[in-house]
Amino acid sequence: MFFLTSKEKYKYIKKSIDLIIHDECHSIENKTTTDFYKWIDECKKSKVIGFSATPEYKYPCYTIK
């Protein structure tokens, strides 16, 4: 994803993007990746599959003693 998002190279893609498989999709919180997905949402009708093994810590961890 970094290659496409650096300097907005994705804007030069001429062919349609039907499917995006995004590994490490927790990077969607980065500004450049968010901008890419906004562009995809506005210009294309793409399907996205995202994978991430990085947990999102929404809840504090408690230790049972």
N, C-alpha and C. Protein backbone atom coordinates (compact mmCIF):
# COMPACT_ATOMS: atom_id res chain seq x y z
N MET A 1 0.83 -1.18 0.00
CA MET A 1 0.00 0.00 0.00
C MET A 1 0.88 1.25 0.00
N PHE A 2 2.04 1.18 0.65
CA PHE A 2 2.89 2.37 0.73
C PHE A 2 3.28 2.88 -0.65
N PHE A 3 3.61 1.96 -1.56
CA PHE A 3 4.03 2.40 -2.90
C PHE A 3 2.93 3.21 -3.57
N LEU A 4 1.69 2.75 -3.48
CA LEU A 4 0.58 3.46 -4.12
C LEU A 4 0.24 4.77 -3.45
N THR A 5 0.34 4.80 -2.13
CA THR A 5 -0.10 6.01 -1.41
C THR A 5 0.96 7.10 -1.36
N SER A 6 2.24 6.72 -1.50
CA SER A 6 3.27 7.77 -1.48
C SER A 6 3.14 8.60 -2.76
N LYS A 7 3.08 9.87 -2.60
CA LYS A 7 2.93 10.84 -3.70
C LYS A 7 1.66 10.59 -4.52
N GLU A 8 0.67 9.96 -3.91
CA GLU A 8 -0.63 9.70 -4.54
C GLU A 8 -0.50 9.05 -5.91
N LYS A 9 0.36 8.06 -6.02
CA LYS A 9 0.58 7.36 -7.30
C LYS A 9 -0.69 6.68 -7.78
N TYR A 10 -1.58 6.33 -6.87
CA TYR A 10 -2.82 5.65 -7.26
C TYR A 10 -3.66 6.48 -8.23
N LYS A 11 -3.49 7.77 -8.23
CA LYS A 11 -4.27 8.63 -9.11
C LYS A 11 -3.87 8.48 -10.59
N TYR A 12 -2.75 7.81 -10.85
CA TYR A 12 -2.28 7.59 -12.21
C TYR A 12 -2.72 6.23 -12.76
N ILE A 13 -3.45 5.46 -11.99
CA ILE A 13 -3.92 4.15 -12.45
C ILE A 13 -5.01 4.37 -13.49
N LYS A 14 -4.84 3.79 -14.65
CA LYS A 14 -5.79 3.96 -15.76
C LYS A 14 -6.87 2.89 -15.76
N LYS A 15 -6.57 1.69 -15.33
CA LYS A 15 -7.51 0.58 -15.36
C LYS A 15 -8.42 0.61 -14.14
N SER A 16 -9.56 -0.03 -14.26
CA SER A 16 -10.47 -0.08 -13.13
C SER A 16 -9.92 -1.00 -12.04
N ILE A 17 -10.22 -0.67 -10.83
CA ILE A 17 -9.80 -1.48 -9.68
C ILE A 17 -11.05 -2.15 -9.16
N ASP A 18 -11.16 -3.45 -9.41
CA ASP A 18 -12.36 -4.17 -9.00
C ASP A 18 -12.24 -4.75 -7.60
N LEU A 19 -11.03 -5.14 -7.21
CA LEU A 19 -10.82 -5.78 -5.92
C LEU A 19 -9.52 -5.31 -5.31
N ILE A 20 -9.58 -4.93 -4.05
CA ILE A 20 -8.39 -4.56 -3.28
C ILE A 20 -8.25 -5.56 -2.16
N ILE A 21 -7.10 -6.21 -2.07
CA ILE A 21 -6.79 -7.08 -0.94
C ILE A 21 -5.72 -6.35 -0.15
N HIS A 22 -6.10 -5.90 1.03
CA HIS A 22 -5.25 -5.03 1.83
C HIS A 22 -4.75 -5.80 3.05
N ASP A 23 -3.49 -6.20 3.01
CA ASP A 23 -2.86 -6.85 4.15
C ASP A 23 -2.41 -5.76 5.12
N GLU A 24 -2.43 -6.07 6.38
CA GLU A 24 -2.09 -5.09 7.42
C GLU A 24 -3.03 -3.89 7.34
N CYS A 25 -4.32 -4.16 7.22
CA CYS A 25 -5.29 -3.09 6.98
C CYS A 25 -5.50 -2.17 8.18
N HIS A 26 -4.87 -2.48 9.32
CA HIS A 26 -4.94 -1.53 10.43
C HIS A 26 -4.26 -0.21 10.06
N SER A 27 -3.50 -0.20 8.96
CA SER A 27 -2.86 1.04 8.50
C SER A 27 -3.86 2.02 7.92
N ILE A 28 -5.12 1.64 7.85
CA ILE A 28 -6.14 2.53 7.29
C ILE A 28 -6.26 3.82 8.11
N GLU A 29 -5.77 3.80 9.31
CA GLU A 29 -5.82 5.01 10.15
C GLU A 29 -4.77 6.04 9.74
N ASN A 30 -3.82 5.65 8.89
CA ASN A 30 -2.82 6.61 8.39
C ASN A 30 -3.49 7.58 7.42
N LYS A 31 -3.06 8.81 7.39
CA LYS A 31 -3.68 9.81 6.52
C LYS A 31 -3.57 9.42 5.05
N THR A 32 -2.41 8.95 4.62
CA THR A 32 -2.24 8.62 3.20
C THR A 32 -3.14 7.46 2.79
N THR A 33 -3.29 6.47 3.66
CA THR A 33 -4.16 5.33 3.35
C THR A 33 -5.62 5.75 3.38
N THR A 34 -5.99 6.59 4.33
CA THR A 34 -7.35 7.11 4.39
C THR A 34 -7.68 7.91 3.14
N ASP A 35 -6.74 8.72 2.68
CA ASP A 35 -6.95 9.49 1.45
C ASP A 35 -7.15 8.56 0.26
N PHE A 36 -6.39 7.47 0.20
CA PHE A 36 -6.54 6.49 -0.88
C PHE A 36 -7.95 5.91 -0.88
N TYR A 37 -8.43 5.51 0.29
CA TYR A 37 -9.76 4.91 0.35
C TYR A 37 -10.87 5.93 0.07
N LYS A 38 -10.66 7.16 0.40
CA LYS A 38 -11.63 8.20 0.03
C LYS A 38 -11.67 8.35 -1.49
N TRP A 39 -10.51 8.30 -2.13
CA TRP A 39 -10.43 8.38 -3.58
C TRP A 39 -11.13 7.18 -4.21
N ILE A 40 -10.88 6.01 -3.68
CA ILE A 40 -11.53 4.79 -4.19
C ILE A 40 -13.04 4.92 -4.04
N ASP A 41 -13.49 5.41 -2.92
CA ASP A 41 -14.92 5.52 -2.65
C ASP A 41 -15.59 6.50 -3.62
N GLU A 42 -14.90 7.57 -3.96
CA GLU A 42 -15.46 8.60 -4.84
C GLU A 42 -15.42 8.20 -6.31
N CYS A 43 -14.36 7.53 -6.72
CA CYS A 43 -14.12 7.33 -8.14
C CYS A 43 -14.40 5.91 -8.65
N LYS A 44 -14.34 4.96 -7.78
CA LYS A 44 -14.39 3.56 -8.23
C LYS A 44 -15.47 2.80 -7.47
N LYS A 45 -15.83 1.66 -8.02
CA LYS A 45 -16.76 0.75 -7.34
C LYS A 45 -15.99 -0.52 -7.01
N SER A 46 -15.07 -0.41 -6.09
CA SER A 46 -14.19 -1.52 -5.75
C SER A 46 -14.69 -2.26 -4.52
N LYS A 47 -14.37 -3.53 -4.49
CA LYS A 47 -14.59 -4.35 -3.30
C LYS A 47 -13.26 -4.41 -2.56
N VAL A 48 -13.33 -4.43 -1.22
CA VAL A 48 -12.11 -4.45 -0.42
C VAL A 48 -12.18 -5.60 0.57
N ILE A 49 -11.10 -6.37 0.64
CA ILE A 49 -10.92 -7.39 1.67
C ILE A 49 -9.70 -6.96 2.47
N GLY A 50 -9.87 -6.80 3.77
CA GLY A 50 -8.76 -6.37 4.61
C GLY A 50 -8.38 -7.43 5.62
N PHE A 51 -7.07 -7.59 5.82
CA PHE A 51 -6.54 -8.55 6.77
C PHE A 51 -5.63 -7.81 7.75
N SER A 52 -5.69 -8.22 9.01
CA SER A 52 -4.76 -7.68 10.00
C SER A 52 -4.69 -8.65 11.17
N ALA A 53 -3.49 -8.90 11.63
CA ALA A 53 -3.30 -9.73 12.82
C ALA A 53 -2.99 -8.86 14.02
N THR A 54 -2.99 -7.55 13.82
CA THR A 54 -2.70 -6.62 14.90
C THR A 54 -4.00 -6.32 15.65
N PRO A 55 -4.06 -6.67 16.92
CA PRO A 55 -5.31 -6.43 17.66
C PRO A 55 -5.52 -4.94 17.93
N GLU A 56 -6.76 -4.57 18.00
CA GLU A 56 -7.10 -3.21 18.37
C GLU A 56 -7.54 -3.23 19.82
N TYR A 57 -6.87 -2.50 20.66
CA TYR A 57 -7.14 -2.53 22.09
C TYR A 57 -8.19 -1.49 22.45
N LYS A 58 -9.44 -1.92 22.46
CA LYS A 58 -10.52 -1.02 22.83
C LYS A 58 -10.83 -1.11 24.32
N TYR A 59 -10.51 -2.23 24.90
CA TYR A 59 -10.85 -2.47 26.30
C TYR A 59 -9.59 -2.74 27.09
N PRO A 60 -9.54 -2.24 28.31
CA PRO A 60 -8.34 -2.51 29.13
C PRO A 60 -8.26 -4.00 29.49
N CYS A 61 -7.05 -4.49 29.64
CA CYS A 61 -6.86 -5.88 30.00
C CYS A 61 -6.88 -6.02 31.52
N TYR A 62 -7.51 -7.04 31.99
CA TYR A 62 -7.58 -7.30 33.42
C TYR A 62 -6.99 -8.68 33.68
N THR A 63 -6.27 -8.78 34.76
CA THR A 63 -5.68 -10.06 35.16
C THR A 63 -6.53 -10.66 36.26
N ILE A 64 -6.91 -11.91 36.07
CA ILE A 64 -7.69 -12.61 37.11
C ILE A 64 -6.71 -13.29 38.04
N LYS A 65 -6.85 -13.00 39.31
CA LYS A 65 -5.91 -13.58 40.30
C LYS A 65 -6.58 -14.68 41.08
